[in-house]
Amino acid sequence: MELLQVFVLTLLVLLAARTFVAESFVVRGHSMEPTVHHGERVLVVKVIYRWRPPRPGDIVVFRPPGRPGSEYIKRVVA
């Protein structure tokens, strides 16, 4: 029983971390080369943007409206 409680608590902590703190994404396409290449995995820290807006030079991931299930990985220019 104790092992099940530890497993459930661990699962809840990991899901909360993925939802609110950080998430991993795979780069699809070549638009970010030479910084980030097609097929590479990037770790996006989500929590920082709760305290400050994105700045020029930051790499952000967003889900475009009207395209469910797809993510764009882009650099903030202005």
Protein backbone atom coordinates (compact mmCIF):
# COMPACT_ATOMS: atom_id res chain seq x y z
CA MET A 1 0.00 0.00 0.00
CA GLU A 2 2.83 2.39 0.85
CA LEU A 3 4.50 1.70 -2.50
CA LEU A 4 1.27 2.60 -4.31
CA GLN A 5 1.03 5.90 -2.41
CA VAL A 6 4.62 6.78 -3.33
CA PHE A 7 3.94 5.92 -6.98
CA VAL A 8 0.76 8.04 -7.16
CA LEU A 9 2.42 10.99 -5.40
CA THR A 10 5.41 10.80 -7.76
CA LEU A 11 3.12 10.71 -10.77
CA LEU A 12 1.19 13.75 -9.55
CA VAL A 13 4.40 15.73 -8.92
CA LEU A 14 5.74 14.88 -12.40
CA LEU A 15 2.50 15.85 -14.12
CA ALA A 16 2.36 19.15 -12.23
CA ALA A 17 6.00 19.88 -13.13
CA ARG A 18 5.36 19.17 -16.80
CA THR A 19 2.24 21.34 -16.83
CA PHE A 20 3.55 24.37 -14.92
CA VAL A 21 7.37 24.26 -14.72
CA ALA A 22 9.08 22.72 -17.76
CA GLU A 23 8.34 20.57 -20.80
CA SER A 24 10.39 18.88 -23.49
CA PHE A 25 9.75 19.44 -27.22
CA VAL A 26 11.25 17.96 -30.40
CA VAL A 27 12.25 20.46 -33.11
CA ARG A 28 10.59 19.78 -36.46
CA GLY A 29 11.88 21.79 -39.39
CA HIS A 30 14.94 23.83 -40.19
CA SER A 31 13.79 27.39 -39.43
CA MET A 32 15.85 27.67 -36.21
CA GLU A 33 19.19 26.52 -37.67
CA PRO A 34 22.06 26.99 -36.84
CA THR A 35 20.97 27.43 -33.20
CA VAL A 36 18.59 24.48 -32.97
CA HIS A 37 18.58 21.67 -35.54
CA HIS A 38 15.80 19.43 -36.85
CA GLY A 39 15.25 16.45 -34.55
CA GLU A 40 16.87 17.99 -31.48
CA ARG A 41 15.02 18.05 -28.18
CA VAL A 42 14.68 21.32 -26.27
CA LEU A 43 13.65 21.77 -22.65
CA VAL A 44 11.34 24.75 -22.23
CA VAL A 45 11.14 26.38 -18.81
CA LYS A 46 7.58 27.70 -18.54
CA VAL A 47 7.65 29.16 -15.06
CA ILE A 48 9.96 32.10 -15.93
CA TYR A 49 7.24 33.79 -17.99
CA ARG A 50 5.00 34.03 -14.96
CA TRP A 51 7.37 36.74 -13.66
CA ARG A 52 8.54 38.45 -16.86
CA PRO A 53 7.50 38.64 -20.51
CA PRO A 54 9.63 37.05 -23.26
CA ARG A 55 12.60 39.19 -24.32
CA PRO A 56 14.28 39.53 -27.72
CA GLY A 57 16.60 36.58 -28.23
CA ASP A 58 14.54 34.15 -26.12
CA ILE A 59 13.42 30.93 -27.80
CA VAL A 60 9.75 30.26 -27.13
CA VAL A 61 7.29 27.48 -27.93
CA PHE A 62 3.67 28.28 -28.65
CA ARG A 63 0.61 26.56 -30.02
CA PRO A 64 -0.87 28.53 -32.93
CA PRO A 65 -4.62 29.09 -32.95
CA GLY A 66 -6.46 26.88 -35.41
CA ARG A 67 -3.73 24.21 -35.44
CA PRO A 68 -4.42 21.85 -32.52
CA GLY A 69 -1.63 19.44 -31.71
CA SER A 70 1.17 21.48 -33.28
CA GLU A 71 3.80 23.63 -31.62
CA TYR A 72 6.01 26.33 -33.13
CA ILE A 73 9.52 26.88 -31.79
CA LYS A 74 10.68 30.40 -32.62
CA ARG A 75 13.08 33.13 -31.47
CA VAL A 76 11.63 36.39 -30.15
CA VAL A 77 12.82 39.21 -32.42
CA ALA A 78 11.15 42.33 -31.06
